[in-house]
Amino acid sequence: MDLANRNNYLMARFIEDRFKVKIAPIAPSYPLNMALPGMGLIGDLSLRHAAVAAGLGIFGRHNLVMHPRFGSRIVFTAILMELPLVSDPPVTEELCNQCGLCVDACPGKALDVEGQTDNMKCLRVSQPYGIGGMIGFVRKFMGATPEQQKDMLLDPKFLHLYQASFIGFQYECFRCMAVCPIGT
């Protein structure tokens, strides 16, 4: 993701300098609203839907965008601007073969209902050091004895949670992408 963020920023600056237009670079996970009911699961701009609208792929069984060459192993960013650009022709071929490998490989069982991703199930596995992990840690910490609290603060899990609070999203699970035979 760092490379995607860096390249998105550099491209945005280049476009802004070269064409003298205002731009807004959109990183892979932002902007998002942490308020209810979305709780950070729904951003202001769906890069997946924008990618499909721009002709870069179609949705697969795992609800990720599938590109004809790269499959679902692709990260999208965006740059909003006022330049007249033409999108690629839409992908019309059915790329997903409905093999179900992504469903079977999902440790969170987040893909069990076709056409839907249970985001909370996915997040529990894919972001163990996200806000859910932090809330669970704090709850356990508050109920612990002082000696247990000391041990908890020395536990590597706390150090991962602490680090994640500074650097943002850390995805730990890419199994749906890894098992997908498309684009390999």
C-alpha atoms as a PDB file:
ATOM      1  CA  MET A   1       0.000   0.000   0.000  1.00  0.00           C
ATOM      2  CA  ASP A   2       2.858   2.398   0.695  1.00  0.00           C
ATOM      3  CA  LEU A   3       4.002   2.196  -2.904  1.00  0.00           C
ATOM      4  CA  ALA A   4       0.446   2.794  -4.127  1.00  0.00           C
ATOM      5  CA  ASN A   5       0.115   5.842  -1.863  1.00  0.00           C
ATOM      6  CA  ARG A   6       3.481   7.214  -2.957  1.00  0.00           C
ATOM      7  CA  ASN A   7       2.791   6.757  -6.657  1.00  0.00           C
ATOM      8  CA  ASN A   8      -0.689   8.245  -6.297  1.00  0.00           C
ATOM      9  CA  TYR A   9       0.768  11.325  -4.616  1.00  0.00           C
ATOM     10  CA  LEU A  10       3.582  11.724  -7.169  1.00  0.00           C
ATOM     11  CA  MET A  11       1.209  11.332 -10.118  1.00  0.00           C
ATOM     12  CA  ALA A  12      -1.208  13.847  -8.598  1.00  0.00           C
ATOM     13  CA  ARG A  13       1.580  16.400  -8.140  1.00  0.00           C
ATOM     14  CA  PHE A  14       2.777  15.824 -11.705  1.00  0.00           C
ATOM     15  CA  ILE A  15      -0.722  16.341 -13.144  1.00  0.00           C
ATOM     16  CA  GLU A  16      -1.277  19.426 -11.021  1.00  0.00           C
ATOM     17  CA  ASP A  17       2.051  20.971 -12.076  1.00  0.00           C
ATOM     18  CA  ARG A  18       1.840  19.977 -15.742  1.00  0.00           C
ATOM     19  CA  PHE A  19      -1.795  20.818 -16.461  1.00  0.00           C
ATOM     20  CA  LYS A  20      -2.362  23.538 -13.843  1.00  0.00           C
ATOM     21  CA  VAL A  21      -5.579  21.963 -12.563  1.00  0.00           C
ATOM     22  CA  LYS A  22      -6.744  21.329  -9.032  1.00  0.00           C
ATOM     23  CA  ILE A  23      -6.526  17.712  -8.039  1.00  0.00           C
ATOM     24  CA  ALA A  24      -7.517  15.529  -5.110  1.00  0.00           C
ATOM     25  CA  PRO A  25      -5.504  12.314  -4.706  1.00  0.00           C
ATOM     26  CA  ILE A  26      -7.512   9.487  -3.144  1.00  0.00           C
ATOM     27  CA  ALA A  27      -5.510   6.825  -1.296  1.00  0.00           C
ATOM     28  CA  PRO A  28      -6.613   3.164  -1.216  1.00  0.00           C
ATOM     29  CA  SER A  29      -8.344   3.359   2.164  1.00  0.00           C
ATOM     30  CA  TYR A  30      -9.353   6.991   2.445  1.00  0.00           C
ATOM     31  CA  PRO A  31     -11.362   9.121   2.842  1.00  0.00           C
ATOM     32  CA  LEU A  32     -13.700   7.281   5.171  1.00  0.00           C
ATOM     33  CA  ASN A  33     -16.225   8.163   7.815  1.00  0.00           C
ATOM     34  CA  MET A  34     -15.821   6.454  11.201  1.00  0.00           C
ATOM     35  CA  ALA A  35     -19.321   7.473  12.383  1.00  0.00           C
ATOM     36  CA  LEU A  36     -22.279   5.115  12.632  1.00  0.00           C
ATOM     37  CA  PRO A  37     -23.661   3.270  10.754  1.00  0.00           C
ATOM     38  CA  GLY A  38     -20.670   2.772   8.430  1.00  0.00           C
ATOM     39  CA  MET A  39     -17.970   2.819  11.121  1.00  0.00           C
ATOM     40  CA  GLY A  40     -15.220   3.256   8.539  1.00  0.00           C
ATOM     41  CA  LEU A  41     -16.438   0.468   6.295  1.00  0.00           C
ATOM     42  CA  ILE A  42     -17.863   2.823   3.684  1.00  0.00           C
ATOM     43  CA  GLY A  43     -15.716   5.551   2.182  1.00  0.00           C
ATOM     44  CA  ASP A  44     -16.747   8.732   0.446  1.00  0.00           C
ATOM     45  CA  LEU A  45     -15.581   7.184  -2.819  1.00  0.00           C
ATOM     46  CA  SER A  46     -15.686   3.486  -3.706  1.00  0.00           C
ATOM     47  CA  LEU A  47     -12.474   2.849  -5.595  1.00  0.00           C
ATOM     48  CA  ARG A  48     -13.751  -0.613  -6.543  1.00  0.00           C
ATOM     49  CA  HIS A  49     -16.844   0.817  -8.210  1.00  0.00           C
ATOM     50  CA  ALA A  50     -14.829   3.630  -9.800  1.00  0.00           C
ATOM     51  CA  ALA A  51     -12.419   1.053 -11.250  1.00  0.00           C
ATOM     52  CA  VAL A  52     -15.275  -0.927 -12.801  1.00  0.00           C
ATOM     53  CA  ALA A  53     -16.843   2.283 -14.171  1.00  0.00           C
ATOM     54  CA  ALA A  54     -13.448   3.250 -15.643  1.00  0.00           C
ATOM     55  CA  GLY A  55     -13.283  -0.053 -17.529  1.00  0.00           C
ATOM     56  CA  LEU A  56     -10.561  -1.650 -15.421  1.00  0.00           C
ATOM     57  CA  GLY A  57     -12.357  -4.872 -14.534  1.00  0.00           C
ATOM     58  CA  ILE A  58     -15.465  -6.576 -13.201  1.00  0.00           C
ATOM     59  CA  PHE A  59     -16.531  -7.824  -9.788  1.00  0.00           C
ATOM     60  CA  GLY A  60     -15.664 -11.428  -8.943  1.00  0.00           C
ATOM     61  CA  ARG A  61     -17.290 -13.857  -6.495  1.00  0.00           C
ATOM     62  CA  HIS A  62     -15.131 -12.390  -3.709  1.00  0.00           C
ATOM     63  CA  ASN A  63     -16.571  -8.920  -4.497  1.00  0.00           C
ATOM     64  CA  LEU A  64     -13.165  -7.594  -5.473  1.00  0.00           C
ATOM     65  CA  VAL A  65     -12.427  -6.118  -8.877  1.00  0.00           C
ATOM     66  CA  MET A  66     -10.927  -8.611 -11.286  1.00  0.00           C
ATOM     67  CA  HIS A  67      -8.642  -7.256 -13.996  1.00  0.00           C
ATOM     68  CA  PRO A  68      -8.185  -9.325 -17.191  1.00  0.00           C
ATOM     69  CA  ARG A  69      -4.404  -9.570 -16.694  1.00  0.00           C
ATOM     70  CA  PHE A  70      -3.817  -9.148 -12.940  1.00  0.00           C
ATOM     71  CA  GLY A  71      -6.915 -10.831 -11.547  1.00  0.00           C
ATOM     72  CA  SER A  72      -7.767  -9.411  -8.133  1.00  0.00           C
ATOM     73  CA  ARG A  73      -4.144  -8.742  -7.193  1.00  0.00           C
ATOM     74  CA  ILE A  74      -4.395  -5.019  -7.750  1.00  0.00           C
ATOM     75  CA  VAL A  75      -4.696  -1.943  -5.550  1.00  0.00           C
ATOM     76  CA  PHE A  76      -6.675   1.037  -6.780  1.00  0.00           C
ATOM     77  CA  THR A  77      -6.084   4.698  -6.070  1.00  0.00           C
ATOM     78  CA  ALA A  78      -7.709   7.679  -7.730  1.00  0.00           C
ATOM     79  CA  ILE A  79      -7.053  11.253  -8.634  1.00  0.00           C
ATOM     80  CA  LEU A  80     -10.076  13.505  -8.889  1.00  0.00           C
ATOM     81  CA  MET A  81      -9.574  16.347 -11.343  1.00  0.00           C
ATOM     82  CA  GLU A  82     -11.214  18.403 -14.039  1.00  0.00           C
ATOM     83  CA  LEU A  83      -9.452  17.055 -17.098  1.00  0.00           C
ATOM     84  CA  PRO A  84     -11.461  15.567 -19.974  1.00  0.00           C
ATOM     85  CA  LEU A  85     -10.256  11.950 -19.922  1.00  0.00           C
ATOM     86  CA  VAL A  86     -11.802   8.997 -21.713  1.00  0.00           C
ATOM     87  CA  SER A  87     -12.224   5.767 -19.773  1.00  0.00           C
ATOM     88  CA  ASP A  88     -11.122   2.396 -21.064  1.00  0.00           C
ATOM     89  CA  PRO A  89     -13.788   0.305 -22.761  1.00  0.00           C
ATOM     90  CA  PRO A  90     -15.671  -1.669 -20.120  1.00  0.00           C
ATOM     91  CA  VAL A  91     -14.563  -5.217 -19.446  1.00  0.00           C
ATOM     92  CA  THR A  92     -17.339  -7.417 -20.757  1.00  0.00           C
ATOM     93  CA  GLU A  93     -15.827 -10.870 -20.471  1.00  0.00           C
ATOM     94  CA  GLU A  94     -16.766 -12.932 -17.427  1.00  0.00           C
ATOM     95  CA  LEU A  95     -13.435 -13.279 -15.627  1.00  0.00           C
ATOM     96  CA  CYS A  96     -14.609 -15.065 -12.501  1.00  0.00           C
ATOM     97  CA  ASN A  97     -15.094 -18.787 -13.059  1.00  0.00           C
ATOM     98  CA  GLN A  98     -17.174 -19.162  -9.865  1.00  0.00           C
ATOM     99  CA  CYS A  99     -14.783 -21.845  -8.572  1.00  0.00           C
ATOM    100  CA  GLY A 100     -15.500 -20.887  -4.946  1.00  0.00           C
ATOM    101  CA  LEU A 101     -11.856 -21.106  -3.865  1.00  0.00           C
ATOM    102  CA  CYS A 102     -12.091 -17.618  -2.340  1.00  0.00           C
ATOM    103  CA  VAL A 103     -15.158 -18.627  -0.319  1.00  0.00           C
ATOM    104  CA  ASP A 104     -13.503 -21.800   0.960  1.00  0.00           C
ATOM    105  CA  ALA A 105     -10.254 -19.999   1.832  1.00  0.00           C
ATOM    106  CA  CYS A 106     -11.874 -17.152   3.800  1.00  0.00           C
ATOM    107  CA  PRO A 107     -11.012 -17.746   7.483  1.00  0.00           C
ATOM    108  CA  GLY A 108     -13.651 -15.249   8.598  1.00  0.00           C
ATOM    109  CA  LYS A 109     -16.445 -16.857   6.549  1.00  0.00           C
ATOM    110  CA  ALA A 110     -17.140 -13.359   5.191  1.00  0.00           C
ATOM    111  CA  LEU A 111     -18.043 -14.536   1.678  1.00  0.00           C
ATOM    112  CA  ASP A 112     -20.604 -17.203   2.541  1.00  0.00           C
ATOM    113  CA  VAL A 113     -23.517 -15.228   1.033  1.00  0.00           C
ATOM    114  CA  GLU A 114     -23.032 -14.839  -2.722  1.00  0.00           C
ATOM    115  CA  GLY A 115     -22.811 -11.224  -3.874  1.00  0.00           C
ATOM    116  CA  GLN A 116     -22.070  -9.947  -0.369  1.00  0.00           C
ATOM    117  CA  THR A 117     -19.081  -9.523   1.885  1.00  0.00           C
ATOM    118  CA  ASP A 118     -19.749  -9.492   5.622  1.00  0.00           C
ATOM    119  CA  ASN A 119     -17.357  -6.636   6.342  1.00  0.00           C
ATOM    120  CA  MET A 120     -17.281  -7.181  10.102  1.00  0.00           C
ATOM    121  CA  LYS A 121     -16.320 -10.846   9.685  1.00  0.00           C
ATOM    122  CA  CYS A 122     -13.644  -9.843   7.181  1.00  0.00           C
ATOM    123  CA  LEU A 123     -12.234  -7.108   9.428  1.00  0.00           C
ATOM    124  CA  ARG A 124     -11.898  -9.410  12.446  1.00  0.00           C
ATOM    125  CA  VAL A 125      -9.457 -11.525  10.461  1.00  0.00           C
ATOM    126  CA  SER A 126      -7.901  -9.033   8.050  1.00  0.00           C
ATOM    127  CA  GLN A 127      -7.242  -6.270  10.584  1.00  0.00           C
ATOM    128  CA  PRO A 128      -6.548  -7.880  13.973  1.00  0.00           C
ATOM    129  CA  TYR A 129      -4.719  -4.725  15.051  1.00  0.00           C
ATOM    130  CA  GLY A 130      -7.440  -2.317  13.935  1.00  0.00           C
ATOM    131  CA  ILE A 131     -10.018  -0.558  16.071  1.00  0.00           C
ATOM    132  CA  GLY A 132     -11.796  -3.822  16.917  1.00  0.00           C
ATOM    133  CA  GLY A 133      -8.578  -5.351  18.241  1.00  0.00           C
ATOM    134  CA  MET A 134      -7.857  -2.201  20.246  1.00  0.00           C
ATOM    135  CA  ILE A 135     -11.340  -2.168  21.792  1.00  0.00           C
ATOM    136  CA  GLY A 136     -10.995  -5.836  22.765  1.00  0.00           C
ATOM    137  CA  PHE A 137      -7.576  -5.187  24.287  1.00  0.00           C
ATOM    138  CA  VAL A 138      -8.805  -2.187  26.306  1.00  0.00           C
ATOM    139  CA  ARG A 139     -11.809  -4.123  27.639  1.00  0.00           C
ATOM    140  CA  LYS A 140      -9.565  -6.973  28.769  1.00  0.00           C
ATOM    141  CA  PHE A 141      -7.007  -4.516  30.161  1.00  0.00           C
ATOM    142  CA  MET A 142      -9.596  -2.678  32.252  1.00  0.00           C
ATOM    143  CA  GLY A 143     -10.718  -5.937  33.892  1.00  0.00           C
ATOM    144  CA  ALA A 144      -7.203  -7.163  34.613  1.00  0.00           C
ATOM    145  CA  THR A 145      -5.185  -6.994  37.815  1.00  0.00           C
ATOM    146  CA  PRO A 146      -2.235  -4.575  37.920  1.00  0.00           C
ATOM    147  CA  GLU A 147       0.177  -7.488  37.411  1.00  0.00           C
ATOM    148  CA  GLN A 148      -1.838  -8.767  34.414  1.00  0.00           C
ATOM    149  CA  GLN A 149      -1.947  -5.230  33.000  1.00  0.00           C
ATOM    150  CA  LYS A 150       1.841  -5.011  33.218  1.00  0.00           C
ATOM    151  CA  ASP A 151       2.157  -8.314  31.357  1.00  0.00           C
ATOM    152  CA  MET A 152      -0.354  -7.137  28.744  1.00  0.00           C
ATOM    153  CA  LEU A 153       1.676  -3.984  28.066  1.00  0.00           C
ATOM    154  CA  LEU A 154       4.758  -6.135  27.424  1.00  0.00           C
ATOM    155  CA  ASP A 155       2.875  -8.522  25.144  1.00  0.00           C
ATOM    156  CA  PRO A 156       3.740  -8.288  21.415  1.00  0.00           C
ATOM    157  CA  LYS A 157       0.008  -7.947  20.626  1.00  0.00           C
ATOM    158  CA  PHE A 158      -0.059  -4.602  22.462  1.00  0.00           C
ATOM    159  CA  LEU A 159       3.030  -3.460  20.569  1.00  0.00           C
ATOM    160  CA  HIS A 160       1.324  -4.328  17.268  1.00  0.00           C
ATOM    161  CA  LEU A 161      -1.799  -2.429  18.340  1.00  0.00           C
ATOM    162  CA  TYR A 162       0.306   0.547  19.417  1.00  0.00           C
ATOM    163  CA  GLN A 163       2.224   0.619  16.131  1.00  0.00           C
ATOM    164  CA  ALA A 164      -0.946   0.253  14.070  1.00  0.00           C
ATOM    165  CA  SER A 165      -2.450   3.275  15.812  1.00  0.00           C
ATOM    166  CA  PHE A 166       0.254   5.394  14.164  1.00  0.00           C
ATOM    167  CA  ILE A 167       0.557   3.927  10.707  1.00  0.00           C
ATOM    168  CA  GLY A 168      -3.047   3.125   9.873  1.00  0.00           C
ATOM    169  CA  PHE A 169      -4.564   0.089   8.237  1.00  0.00           C
ATOM    170  CA  GLN A 170      -2.589  -3.135   8.348  1.00  0.00           C
ATOM    171  CA  TYR A 171      -4.218  -5.947   6.439  1.00  0.00           C
ATOM    172  CA  GLU A 172      -3.167  -9.393   7.560  1.00  0.00           C
ATOM    173  CA  CYS A 173      -5.335 -11.548   5.302  1.00  0.00           C
ATOM    174  CA  PHE A 174      -5.253 -11.724   1.526  1.00  0.00           C
ATOM    175  CA  ARG A 175      -6.390 -15.330   1.171  1.00  0.00           C
ATOM    176  CA  CYS A 176      -9.263 -14.559  -1.223  1.00  0.00           C
ATOM    177  CA  MET A 177      -6.766 -12.923  -3.585  1.00  0.00           C
ATOM    178  CA  ALA A 178      -4.047 -15.527  -3.087  1.00  0.00           C
ATOM    179  CA  VAL A 179      -6.190 -18.524  -4.051  1.00  0.00           C
ATOM    180  CA  CYS A 180      -7.907 -16.894  -7.025  1.00  0.00           C
ATOM    181  CA  PRO A 181      -6.652 -18.615 -10.188  1.00  0.00           C
ATOM    182  CA  ILE A 182      -7.457 -15.599 -12.411  1.00  0.00           C
ATOM    183  CA  GLY A 183      -4.461 -13.495 -13.393  1.00  0.00           C
ATOM    184  CA  THR A 184      -1.810 -15.905 -12.147  1.00  0.00           C
END
